[in-house]
Amino acid sequence: MRTQTINRTTKETSIQASINLDGTKQIQIETGIPFFDHMLTLFAFHGNFDLNLLAKGDVYVDDHHTVEDCGIVLGQAIDQALGEKKGIERYSSVYLPMDEALVRVVIDISNRPMLIFKGEFNRESIGGLSLENVREFLKAFTTEARITLHIEILDGLNDHHKVEAIFKGLGRALKLAVKQTSEDLPSTKGVL
């Protein structure tokens, strides 16, 4: 089974995350940031993952540390759960609509961390989540998962819909990229 549990404690946050990439949507998320909880739930549901993520952070100061550190821990858990990455599809791309919003998510599980994010938000925050921290989460996640990730908001007026499309699209794209279809390492180099 492709599972992993990561615990990370700093002076700002304490986070435990357990993921099963071959799960059945058993999901429990508690970060102290309601909209972020909702987005991580959508990510796991549309990825078909089991995800248990419990975070306690200094949200009385700001949501930044908790959001970024959740990205770190979740990225590490996924990277370690993938192990040697043999047999995975490696690449995927998804267009995800959410009402008037449309987002493109493209992934390469490459062992070369890179985030390209194109999109703008009009609001400062939704449900305790500062929208500038959506990018911070994705950056930390991408770095620690060791993936190349391109996300572009192609259309949309409602920021809730844009962010929801991002997290649903990320889950769906990751589900496709981690799917095992052979015994081979998906690289002509023989290493990722």
N, C-alpha and C. Protein backbone atom coordinates (compact mmCIF):
# COMPACT_ATOMS: atom_id res chain seq x y z
N MET A 1 0.83 -1.18 0.00
CA MET A 1 0.00 0.00 0.00
C MET A 1 0.88 1.25 0.00
N ARG A 2 0.43 2.24 -0.73
CA ARG A 2 1.18 3.49 -0.82
C ARG A 2 0.63 4.47 0.20
N THR A 3 1.16 4.34 1.42
CA THR A 3 0.71 5.16 2.54
C THR A 3 1.91 5.81 3.21
N GLN A 4 1.64 6.90 3.91
CA GLN A 4 2.71 7.56 4.67
C GLN A 4 2.08 8.46 5.72
N THR A 5 2.74 8.54 6.85
CA THR A 5 2.37 9.47 7.92
C THR A 5 3.56 10.36 8.22
N ILE A 6 3.32 11.65 8.31
CA ILE A 6 4.36 12.63 8.62
C ILE A 6 3.91 13.46 9.80
N ASN A 7 4.81 13.67 10.75
CA ASN A 7 4.57 14.58 11.87
C ASN A 7 5.61 15.69 11.79
N ARG A 8 5.15 16.92 11.97
CA ARG A 8 6.08 18.07 11.92
C ARG A 8 5.65 19.07 12.99
N THR A 9 6.59 19.41 13.87
CA THR A 9 6.31 20.38 14.92
C THR A 9 7.36 21.47 14.89
N THR A 10 6.89 22.71 14.86
CA THR A 10 7.76 23.88 14.95
C THR A 10 7.23 24.77 16.08
N LYS A 11 7.83 25.91 16.27
CA LYS A 11 7.32 26.85 17.27
C LYS A 11 6.02 27.50 16.81
N GLU A 12 5.68 27.34 15.52
CA GLU A 12 4.48 27.97 14.96
C GLU A 12 3.34 27.00 14.69
N THR A 13 3.69 25.73 14.40
CA THR A 13 2.66 24.75 14.04
C THR A 13 3.01 23.35 14.54
N SER A 14 1.97 22.55 14.66
CA SER A 14 2.12 21.11 14.92
C SER A 14 1.15 20.41 13.98
N ILE A 15 1.71 19.60 13.07
CA ILE A 15 0.90 19.00 12.02
C ILE A 15 1.18 17.51 11.91
N GLN A 16 0.10 16.75 11.78
CA GLN A 16 0.20 15.32 11.49
C GLN A 16 -0.65 15.05 10.26
N ALA A 17 -0.06 14.38 9.28
CA ALA A 17 -0.79 14.02 8.07
C ALA A 17 -0.52 12.57 7.73
N SER A 18 -1.59 11.85 7.42
CA SER A 18 -1.50 10.47 6.94
C SER A 18 -2.26 10.40 5.63
N ILE A 19 -1.62 9.81 4.61
CA ILE A 19 -2.27 9.68 3.31
C ILE A 19 -2.15 8.25 2.81
N ASN A 20 -3.20 7.82 2.13
CA ASN A 20 -3.22 6.55 1.42
C ASN A 20 -3.59 6.90 -0.01
N LEU A 21 -2.64 6.75 -0.93
CA LEU A 21 -2.88 7.12 -2.33
C LEU A 21 -3.86 6.18 -3.02
N ASP A 22 -4.09 5.01 -2.44
CA ASP A 22 -5.01 4.02 -3.00
C ASP A 22 -6.22 3.87 -2.09
N GLY A 23 -6.69 4.97 -1.60
CA GLY A 23 -7.73 4.97 -0.58
C GLY A 23 -9.14 4.89 -1.11
N THR A 24 -10.06 5.15 -0.17
CA THR A 24 -11.49 5.09 -0.46
C THR A 24 -12.20 6.33 0.06
N LYS A 25 -11.49 7.45 0.06
CA LYS A 25 -12.05 8.75 0.46
C LYS A 25 -12.40 8.83 1.94
N GLN A 26 -11.60 8.19 2.78
CA GLN A 26 -11.74 8.35 4.23
C GLN A 26 -10.97 9.63 4.59
N ILE A 27 -11.69 10.69 4.93
CA ILE A 27 -11.09 12.02 5.03
C ILE A 27 -11.45 12.67 6.36
N GLN A 28 -10.42 13.17 7.05
CA GLN A 28 -10.62 13.98 8.25
C GLN A 28 -9.61 15.12 8.21
N ILE A 29 -10.10 16.33 8.14
CA ILE A 29 -9.24 17.51 8.05
C ILE A 29 -9.63 18.49 9.16
N GLU A 30 -8.63 18.94 9.92
CA GLU A 30 -8.84 19.97 10.94
C GLU A 30 -7.60 20.86 10.99
N THR A 31 -7.73 22.06 10.43
CA THR A 31 -6.60 22.99 10.43
C THR A 31 -6.86 24.26 11.23
N GLY A 32 -8.10 24.46 11.66
CA GLY A 32 -8.46 25.71 12.31
C GLY A 32 -8.80 26.82 11.33
N ILE A 33 -8.79 26.48 10.03
CA ILE A 33 -9.11 27.44 8.96
C ILE A 33 -10.24 26.81 8.14
N PRO A 34 -11.49 27.21 8.38
CA PRO A 34 -12.63 26.49 7.79
C PRO A 34 -12.59 26.33 6.27
N PHE A 35 -12.30 27.37 5.54
CA PHE A 35 -12.30 27.25 4.08
C PHE A 35 -11.16 26.35 3.60
N PHE A 36 -10.02 26.41 4.27
CA PHE A 36 -8.89 25.55 3.94
C PHE A 36 -9.24 24.08 4.20
N ASP A 37 -9.94 23.81 5.31
CA ASP A 37 -10.42 22.44 5.59
C ASP A 37 -11.27 21.94 4.42
N HIS A 38 -12.17 22.80 3.97
CA HIS A 38 -13.06 22.45 2.86
C HIS A 38 -12.26 22.15 1.59
N MET A 39 -11.25 22.96 1.29
CA MET A 39 -10.45 22.78 0.08
C MET A 39 -9.62 21.49 0.15
N LEU A 40 -9.02 21.19 1.30
CA LEU A 40 -8.24 19.97 1.44
C LEU A 40 -9.14 18.73 1.36
N THR A 41 -10.37 18.85 1.86
CA THR A 41 -11.33 17.76 1.74
C THR A 41 -11.66 17.51 0.27
N LEU A 42 -11.88 18.58 -0.48
CA LEU A 42 -12.15 18.44 -1.92
C LEU A 42 -10.97 17.82 -2.65
N PHE A 43 -9.75 18.25 -2.30
CA PHE A 43 -8.54 17.68 -2.89
C PHE A 43 -8.50 16.17 -2.70
N ALA A 44 -8.69 15.72 -1.45
CA ALA A 44 -8.62 14.29 -1.15
C ALA A 44 -9.78 13.52 -1.79
N PHE A 45 -10.97 14.09 -1.76
CA PHE A 45 -12.15 13.42 -2.34
C PHE A 45 -11.96 13.20 -3.83
N HIS A 46 -11.56 14.23 -4.55
CA HIS A 46 -11.43 14.11 -6.00
C HIS A 46 -10.15 13.38 -6.41
N GLY A 47 -9.21 13.22 -5.47
CA GLY A 47 -8.03 12.39 -5.71
C GLY A 47 -8.26 10.93 -5.35
N ASN A 48 -9.38 10.67 -4.69
CA ASN A 48 -9.71 9.32 -4.23
C ASN A 48 -8.71 8.83 -3.18
N PHE A 49 -8.21 9.78 -2.39
CA PHE A 49 -7.22 9.47 -1.35
C PHE A 49 -7.90 9.34 0.01
N ASP A 50 -7.29 8.58 0.90
CA ASP A 50 -7.58 8.68 2.32
C ASP A 50 -6.64 9.76 2.84
N LEU A 51 -7.16 10.72 3.57
CA LEU A 51 -6.33 11.79 4.11
C LEU A 51 -6.81 12.17 5.49
N ASN A 52 -5.90 12.07 6.44
CA ASN A 52 -6.14 12.54 7.80
C ASN A 52 -5.10 13.61 8.06
N LEU A 53 -5.52 14.86 8.20
CA LEU A 53 -4.60 15.96 8.42
C LEU A 53 -5.11 16.81 9.58
N LEU A 54 -4.32 16.82 10.65
CA LEU A 54 -4.66 17.60 11.84
C LEU A 54 -3.55 18.62 12.06
N ALA A 55 -3.95 19.88 12.11
CA ALA A 55 -2.96 20.96 12.28
C ALA A 55 -3.40 21.91 13.38
N LYS A 56 -2.43 22.25 14.22
CA LYS A 56 -2.63 23.30 15.22
C LYS A 56 -1.56 24.34 14.95
N GLY A 57 -1.99 25.55 14.68
CA GLY A 57 -1.03 26.59 14.35
C GLY A 57 -1.40 27.92 14.97
N ASP A 58 -0.54 28.88 14.77
CA ASP A 58 -0.72 30.21 15.34
C ASP A 58 -1.65 31.06 14.46
N VAL A 59 -2.87 30.54 14.24
CA VAL A 59 -3.82 31.25 13.38
C VAL A 59 -4.30 32.54 14.03
N TYR A 60 -4.06 32.71 15.33
CA TYR A 60 -4.38 33.98 15.98
C TYR A 60 -3.45 35.09 15.48
N VAL A 61 -2.30 34.71 14.92
CA VAL A 61 -1.39 35.67 14.31
C VAL A 61 -1.79 35.89 12.86
N ASP A 62 -1.93 34.76 12.15
CA ASP A 62 -2.16 34.79 10.70
C ASP A 62 -2.32 33.33 10.27
N ASP A 63 -2.89 33.11 9.11
CA ASP A 63 -3.05 31.74 8.62
C ASP A 63 -1.84 31.24 7.83
N HIS A 64 -0.88 32.12 7.56
CA HIS A 64 0.23 31.79 6.66
C HIS A 64 1.01 30.55 7.12
N HIS A 65 1.45 30.53 8.39
CA HIS A 65 2.30 29.42 8.85
C HIS A 65 1.58 28.08 8.74
N THR A 66 0.32 28.06 9.14
CA THR A 66 -0.44 26.81 9.10
C THR A 66 -0.64 26.33 7.67
N VAL A 67 -1.01 27.23 6.77
CA VAL A 67 -1.26 26.85 5.38
C VAL A 67 0.02 26.36 4.73
N GLU A 68 1.10 27.11 4.88
CA GLU A 68 2.38 26.73 4.27
C GLU A 68 2.88 25.40 4.84
N ASP A 69 2.81 25.24 6.15
CA ASP A 69 3.32 24.02 6.77
C ASP A 69 2.46 22.80 6.41
N CYS A 70 1.17 23.00 6.20
CA CYS A 70 0.33 21.89 5.71
C CYS A 70 0.79 21.48 4.31
N GLY A 71 1.17 22.44 3.49
CA GLY A 71 1.71 22.13 2.18
C GLY A 71 3.00 21.33 2.27
N ILE A 72 3.86 21.71 3.20
CA ILE A 72 5.12 20.99 3.41
C ILE A 72 4.85 19.54 3.80
N VAL A 73 4.02 19.35 4.81
CA VAL A 73 3.76 18.01 5.34
C VAL A 73 3.03 17.14 4.32
N LEU A 74 2.02 17.70 3.66
CA LEU A 74 1.29 16.93 2.66
C LEU A 74 2.18 16.55 1.49
N GLY A 75 3.03 17.47 1.05
CA GLY A 75 3.97 17.16 -0.03
C GLY A 75 4.94 16.06 0.35
N GLN A 76 5.49 16.12 1.57
CA GLN A 76 6.40 15.08 2.03
C GLN A 76 5.71 13.72 2.11
N ALA A 77 4.48 13.72 2.59
CA ALA A 77 3.74 12.46 2.72
C ALA A 77 3.51 11.82 1.34
N ILE A 78 3.15 12.63 0.36
CA ILE A 78 2.90 12.09 -0.97
C ILE A 78 4.20 11.59 -1.61
N ASP A 79 5.27 12.37 -1.49
CA ASP A 79 6.55 11.94 -2.05
C ASP A 79 6.99 10.61 -1.45
N GLN A 80 6.89 10.48 -0.14
CA GLN A 80 7.33 9.26 0.51
C GLN A 80 6.39 8.09 0.23
N ALA A 81 5.09 8.36 0.12
CA ALA A 81 4.14 7.29 -0.20
C ALA A 81 4.38 6.72 -1.59
N LEU A 82 4.89 7.55 -2.50
CA LEU A 82 5.17 7.09 -3.87
C LEU A 82 6.41 6.20 -3.95
N GLY A 83 7.26 6.24 -2.95
CA GLY A 83 8.44 5.38 -2.93
C GLY A 83 9.32 5.57 -4.15
N GLU A 84 9.62 4.48 -4.84
CA GLU A 84 10.50 4.53 -6.02
C GLU A 84 9.78 5.02 -7.27
N LYS A 85 8.47 5.19 -7.19
CA LYS A 85 7.65 5.72 -8.29
C LYS A 85 7.55 4.78 -9.49
N LYS A 86 7.87 3.52 -9.29
CA LYS A 86 7.78 2.56 -10.39
C LYS A 86 6.33 2.36 -10.80
N GLY A 87 6.11 2.34 -12.11
CA GLY A 87 4.82 2.02 -12.66
C GLY A 87 3.80 3.16 -12.71
N ILE A 88 4.14 4.31 -12.15
CA ILE A 88 3.16 5.40 -12.15
C ILE A 88 3.04 6.03 -13.54
N GLU A 89 1.92 6.64 -13.80
CA GLU A 89 1.71 7.35 -15.07
C GLU A 89 2.65 8.55 -15.19
N ARG A 90 2.95 9.19 -14.08
CA ARG A 90 3.86 10.32 -13.97
C ARG A 90 3.25 11.65 -14.40
N TYR A 91 2.68 11.71 -15.60
CA TYR A 91 2.13 12.96 -16.14
C TYR A 91 0.61 12.95 -16.09
N SER A 92 0.03 14.13 -15.96
CA SER A 92 -1.42 14.27 -16.14
C SER A 92 -1.77 15.73 -16.36
N SER A 93 -2.90 15.93 -16.97
CA SER A 93 -3.43 17.29 -17.14
C SER A 93 -4.94 17.22 -17.02
N VAL A 94 -5.49 18.23 -16.36
CA VAL A 94 -6.92 18.27 -16.09
C VAL A 94 -7.42 19.70 -16.30
N TYR A 95 -8.54 19.83 -16.97
CA TYR A 95 -9.29 21.08 -16.98
C TYR A 95 -10.45 20.87 -16.02
N LEU A 96 -10.59 21.78 -15.05
CA LEU A 96 -11.64 21.61 -14.05
C LEU A 96 -12.54 22.83 -14.04
N PRO A 97 -13.81 22.67 -14.41
CA PRO A 97 -14.76 23.78 -14.33
C PRO A 97 -15.44 23.81 -12.96
N MET A 98 -15.73 24.98 -12.48
CA MET A 98 -16.56 25.17 -11.30
C MET A 98 -17.45 26.36 -11.61
N ASP A 99 -18.63 26.06 -12.09
CA ASP A 99 -19.55 27.10 -12.57
C ASP A 99 -18.86 27.96 -13.62
N GLU A 100 -18.68 29.25 -13.39
CA GLU A 100 -18.08 30.12 -14.40
C GLU A 100 -16.55 30.06 -14.40
N ALA A 101 -15.97 29.43 -13.40
CA ALA A 101 -14.51 29.35 -13.29
C ALA A 101 -13.98 28.13 -14.04
N LEU A 102 -12.79 28.28 -14.60
CA LEU A 102 -12.13 27.18 -15.31
C LEU A 102 -10.64 27.23 -14.98
N VAL A 103 -10.12 26.10 -14.55
CA VAL A 103 -8.71 26.01 -14.14
C VAL A 103 -8.06 24.84 -14.87
N ARG A 104 -6.81 25.04 -15.30
CA ARG A 104 -6.02 23.97 -15.90
C ARG A 104 -4.93 23.59 -14.89
N VAL A 105 -4.79 22.28 -14.64
CA VAL A 105 -3.77 21.75 -13.74
C VAL A 105 -2.97 20.70 -14.51
N VAL A 106 -1.65 20.87 -14.54
CA VAL A 106 -0.76 19.94 -15.25
C VAL A 106 0.34 19.50 -14.28
N ILE A 107 0.57 18.19 -14.20
CA ILE A 107 1.54 17.63 -13.23
C ILE A 107 2.54 16.75 -13.96
N ASP A 108 3.79 16.85 -13.49
CA ASP A 108 4.84 15.89 -13.84
C ASP A 108 5.49 15.47 -12.52
N ILE A 109 5.37 14.21 -12.16
CA ILE A 109 6.04 13.72 -10.95
C ILE A 109 7.47 13.43 -11.36
N SER A 110 8.27 14.48 -11.31
CA SER A 110 9.56 14.52 -11.99
C SER A 110 10.78 14.47 -11.07
N ASN A 111 10.57 14.66 -9.77
CA ASN A 111 11.66 14.85 -8.82
C ASN A 111 12.38 16.19 -9.05
N ARG A 112 11.73 17.08 -9.82
CA ARG A 112 12.26 18.42 -10.08
C ARG A 112 11.18 19.43 -9.69
N PRO A 113 11.22 19.93 -8.46
CA PRO A 113 10.16 20.83 -7.98
C PRO A 113 10.10 22.13 -8.78
N MET A 114 8.89 22.46 -9.24
CA MET A 114 8.68 23.71 -9.97
C MET A 114 7.19 24.03 -9.92
N LEU A 115 6.87 25.24 -9.51
CA LEU A 115 5.48 25.71 -9.54
C LEU A 115 5.38 26.88 -10.49
N ILE A 116 4.47 26.78 -11.44
CA ILE A 116 4.08 27.90 -12.28
C ILE A 116 2.60 28.14 -11.99
N PHE A 117 2.30 29.29 -11.41
CA PHE A 117 0.93 29.62 -11.03
C PHE A 117 0.54 30.92 -11.71
N LYS A 118 -0.54 30.87 -12.48
CA LYS A 118 -1.04 32.06 -13.15
C LYS A 118 -2.50 32.24 -12.79
N GLY A 119 -2.79 33.34 -12.15
CA GLY A 119 -4.17 33.61 -11.77
C GLY A 119 -4.23 34.71 -10.75
N GLU A 120 -5.36 35.36 -10.70
CA GLU A 120 -5.57 36.48 -9.78
C GLU A 120 -6.85 36.25 -8.99
N PHE A 121 -6.84 36.79 -7.78
CA PHE A 121 -8.03 36.79 -6.93
C PHE A 121 -8.43 38.23 -6.64
N ASN A 122 -9.71 38.44 -6.42
CA ASN A 122 -10.22 39.78 -6.13
C ASN A 122 -10.40 40.03 -4.64
N ARG A 123 -10.70 38.98 -3.89
CA ARG A 123 -10.90 39.11 -2.45
C ARG A 123 -9.58 38.88 -1.72
N GLU A 124 -9.53 39.33 -0.48
CA GLU A 124 -8.34 39.07 0.34
C GLU A 124 -8.40 37.71 1.00
N SER A 125 -9.61 37.31 1.43
CA SER A 125 -9.72 36.03 2.14
C SER A 125 -11.12 35.46 2.00
N ILE A 126 -11.20 34.14 2.27
CA ILE A 126 -12.48 33.43 2.32
C ILE A 126 -12.40 32.46 3.49
N GLY A 127 -13.33 32.57 4.41
CA GLY A 127 -13.43 31.62 5.51
C GLY A 127 -12.15 31.40 6.28
N GLY A 128 -11.40 32.48 6.53
CA GLY A 128 -10.17 32.39 7.30
C GLY A 128 -8.92 32.09 6.48
N LEU A 129 -9.09 31.81 5.19
CA LEU A 129 -7.95 31.52 4.31
C LEU A 129 -7.60 32.78 3.51
N SER A 130 -6.43 33.33 3.74
CA SER A 130 -5.94 34.45 2.93
C SER A 130 -5.64 33.90 1.54
N LEU A 131 -6.23 34.50 0.53
CA LEU A 131 -6.09 33.94 -0.82
C LEU A 131 -4.67 34.03 -1.34
N GLU A 132 -3.85 34.95 -0.82
CA GLU A 132 -2.44 34.96 -1.21
C GLU A 132 -1.74 33.68 -0.75
N ASN A 133 -2.31 33.01 0.25
CA ASN A 133 -1.69 31.79 0.77
C ASN A 133 -2.04 30.54 -0.04
N VAL A 134 -2.96 30.66 -0.99
CA VAL A 134 -3.20 29.54 -1.91
C VAL A 134 -1.90 29.23 -2.65
N ARG A 135 -1.26 30.28 -3.16
CA ARG A 135 0.03 30.10 -3.85
C ARG A 135 1.09 29.57 -2.90
N GLU A 136 1.11 30.06 -1.66
CA GLU A 136 2.11 29.60 -0.68
C GLU A 136 1.93 28.12 -0.38
N PHE A 137 0.70 27.67 -0.26
CA PHE A 137 0.44 26.24 -0.06
C PHE A 137 0.96 25.44 -1.24
N LEU A 138 0.61 25.89 -2.45
CA LEU A 138 1.01 25.16 -3.66
C LEU A 138 2.53 25.13 -3.81
N LYS A 139 3.19 26.22 -3.47
CA LYS A 139 4.65 26.28 -3.55
C LYS A 139 5.29 25.28 -2.60
N ALA A 140 4.84 25.27 -1.34
CA ALA A 140 5.39 24.34 -0.36
C ALA A 140 5.09 22.90 -0.74
N PHE A 141 3.86 22.66 -1.17
CA PHE A 141 3.44 21.32 -1.60
C PHE A 141 4.29 20.82 -2.76
N THR A 142 4.46 21.65 -3.76
CA THR A 142 5.23 21.29 -4.96
C THR A 142 6.68 20.97 -4.60
N THR A 143 7.27 21.82 -3.78
CA THR A 143 8.67 21.63 -3.38
C THR A 143 8.85 20.30 -2.66
N GLU A 144 7.99 20.02 -1.70
CA GLU A 144 8.17 18.82 -0.88
C GLU A 144 7.69 17.55 -1.58
N ALA A 145 6.70 17.66 -2.45
CA ALA A 145 6.26 16.49 -3.22
C ALA A 145 7.23 16.20 -4.37
N ARG A 146 8.10 17.17 -4.66
CA ARG A 146 9.12 17.06 -5.70
C ARG A 146 8.48 16.84 -7.08
N ILE A 147 7.49 17.70 -7.37
CA ILE A 147 6.77 17.62 -8.64
C ILE A 147 6.88 18.94 -9.38
N THR A 148 6.64 18.87 -10.68
CA THR A 148 6.43 20.06 -11.49
C THR A 148 4.92 20.26 -11.58
N LEU A 149 4.46 21.47 -11.26
CA LEU A 149 3.03 21.75 -11.22
C LEU A 149 2.76 23.07 -11.91
N HIS A 150 1.91 23.02 -12.93
CA HIS A 150 1.44 24.23 -13.61
C HIS A 150 -0.04 24.37 -13.30
N ILE A 151 -0.42 25.52 -12.78
CA ILE A 151 -1.83 25.82 -12.53
C ILE A 151 -2.14 27.17 -13.14
N GLU A 152 -3.21 27.22 -13.92
CA GLU A 152 -3.62 28.48 -14.52
C GLU A 152 -5.14 28.64 -14.40
N ILE A 153 -5.54 29.78 -13.84
CA ILE A 153 -6.96 30.13 -13.80
C ILE A 153 -7.28 30.72 -15.17
N LEU A 154 -8.06 30.00 -15.95
CA LEU A 154 -8.35 30.42 -17.32
C LEU A 154 -9.55 31.35 -17.40
N ASP A 155 -10.48 31.22 -16.44
CA ASP A 155 -11.67 32.06 -16.45
C ASP A 155 -12.28 32.03 -15.07
N GLY A 156 -13.11 33.01 -14.78
CA GLY A 156 -13.82 33.00 -13.52
C GLY A 156 -13.99 34.39 -12.94
N LEU A 157 -15.09 34.57 -12.23
CA LEU A 157 -15.38 35.82 -11.54
C LEU A 157 -15.39 35.63 -10.03
N ASN A 158 -15.87 34.49 -9.58
CA ASN A 158 -16.05 34.22 -8.17
C ASN A 158 -14.80 33.54 -7.61
N ASP A 159 -14.16 34.17 -6.62
CA ASP A 159 -12.92 33.62 -6.07
C ASP A 159 -13.12 32.27 -5.39
N HIS A 160 -14.26 32.08 -4.74
CA HIS A 160 -14.55 30.77 -4.14
C HIS A 160 -14.51 29.69 -5.22
N HIS A 161 -15.14 29.96 -6.34
CA HIS A 161 -15.16 28.99 -7.44
C HIS A 161 -13.76 28.74 -8.00
N LYS A 162 -12.95 29.78 -8.11
CA LYS A 162 -11.58 29.63 -8.63
C LYS A 162 -10.75 28.73 -7.73
N VAL A 163 -10.79 29.01 -6.42
CA VAL A 163 -9.98 28.22 -5.48
C VAL A 163 -10.49 26.79 -5.43
N GLU A 164 -11.80 26.62 -5.44
CA GLU A 164 -12.37 25.27 -5.43
C GLU A 164 -11.93 24.49 -6.67
N ALA A 165 -11.93 25.13 -7.82
CA ALA A 165 -11.49 24.46 -9.04
C ALA A 165 -10.01 24.07 -8.95
N ILE A 166 -9.20 24.91 -8.33
CA ILE A 166 -7.78 24.60 -8.16
C ILE A 166 -7.60 23.33 -7.33
N PHE A 167 -8.25 23.25 -6.18
CA PHE A 167 -8.05 22.11 -5.29
C PHE A 167 -8.68 20.83 -5.84
N LYS A 168 -9.85 20.95 -6.46
CA LYS A 168 -10.44 19.76 -7.10
C LYS A 168 -9.55 19.29 -8.26
N GLY A 169 -9.09 20.23 -9.06
CA GLY A 169 -8.24 19.90 -10.20
C GLY A 169 -6.93 19.28 -9.76
N LEU A 170 -6.34 19.80 -8.68
CA LEU A 170 -5.09 19.24 -8.16
C LEU A 170 -5.30 17.79 -7.71
N GLY A 171 -6.38 17.53 -7.00
CA GLY A 171 -6.67 16.16 -6.57
C GLY A 171 -6.86 15.23 -7.74
N ARG A 172 -7.64 15.68 -8.71
CA ARG A 172 -7.93 14.83 -9.88
C ARG A 172 -6.66 14.58 -10.71
N ALA A 173 -5.86 15.62 -10.92
CA ALA A 173 -4.63 15.46 -11.70
C ALA A 173 -3.64 14.54 -10.98
N LEU A 174 -3.53 14.70 -9.67
CA LEU A 174 -2.61 13.84 -8.92
C LEU A 174 -3.09 12.39 -8.94
N LYS A 175 -4.38 12.18 -8.84
CA LYS A 175 -4.94 10.83 -8.93
C LYS A 175 -4.51 10.14 -10.23
N LEU A 176 -4.58 10.87 -11.33
CA LEU A 176 -4.20 10.31 -12.63
C LEU A 176 -2.69 10.08 -12.72
N ALA A 177 -1.90 11.01 -12.19
CA ALA A 177 -0.43 10.91 -12.30
C ALA A 177 0.15 9.79 -11.44
N VAL A 178 -0.47 9.49 -10.29
CA VAL A 178 0.08 8.45 -9.40
C VAL A 178 -0.47 7.06 -9.73
N LYS A 179 -1.40 6.99 -10.66
CA LYS A 179 -1.98 5.70 -11.04
C LYS A 179 -0.89 4.75 -11.54
N GLN A 180 -0.90 3.54 -11.02
CA GLN A 180 0.09 2.54 -11.42
C GLN A 180 -0.45 1.72 -12.58
N THR A 181 0.31 1.70 -13.68
CA THR A 181 -0.13 0.98 -14.88
C THR A 181 0.92 0.01 -15.41
N SER A 182 2.10 -0.05 -14.76
CA SER A 182 3.14 -0.97 -15.21
C SER A 182 4.10 -1.22 -14.05
N GLU A 183 5.19 -1.87 -14.32
CA GLU A 183 6.25 -2.09 -13.33
C GLU A 183 7.46 -1.21 -13.63
N ASP A 184 7.39 -0.47 -14.72
CA ASP A 184 8.53 0.31 -15.19
C ASP A 184 8.63 1.67 -14.51
N LEU A 185 9.85 2.17 -14.38
CA LEU A 185 10.06 3.55 -13.95
C LEU A 185 9.79 4.44 -15.15
N PRO A 186 8.95 5.45 -15.01
CA PRO A 186 8.55 6.25 -16.18
C PRO A 186 9.59 7.30 -16.56
N SER A 187 10.78 6.84 -16.92
CA SER A 187 11.85 7.75 -17.34
C SER A 187 12.87 6.98 -18.20
N THR A 188 13.25 7.55 -19.34
CA THR A 188 14.28 6.94 -20.17
C THR A 188 15.65 7.02 -19.50
N LYS A 189 15.79 7.90 -18.51
CA LYS A 189 17.06 8.01 -17.77
C LYS A 189 17.27 6.86 -16.81
N GLY A 190 16.16 6.19 -16.45
CA GLY A 190 16.24 5.10 -15.49
C GLY A 190 16.18 5.58 -14.05
N VAL A 191 15.94 6.88 -13.88
CA VAL A 191 15.84 7.45 -12.53
C VAL A 191 15.00 8.72 -12.60
N LEU A 192 14.26 8.96 -11.56
CA LEU A 192 13.51 10.22 -11.45
C LEU A 192 14.18 11.07 -10.37
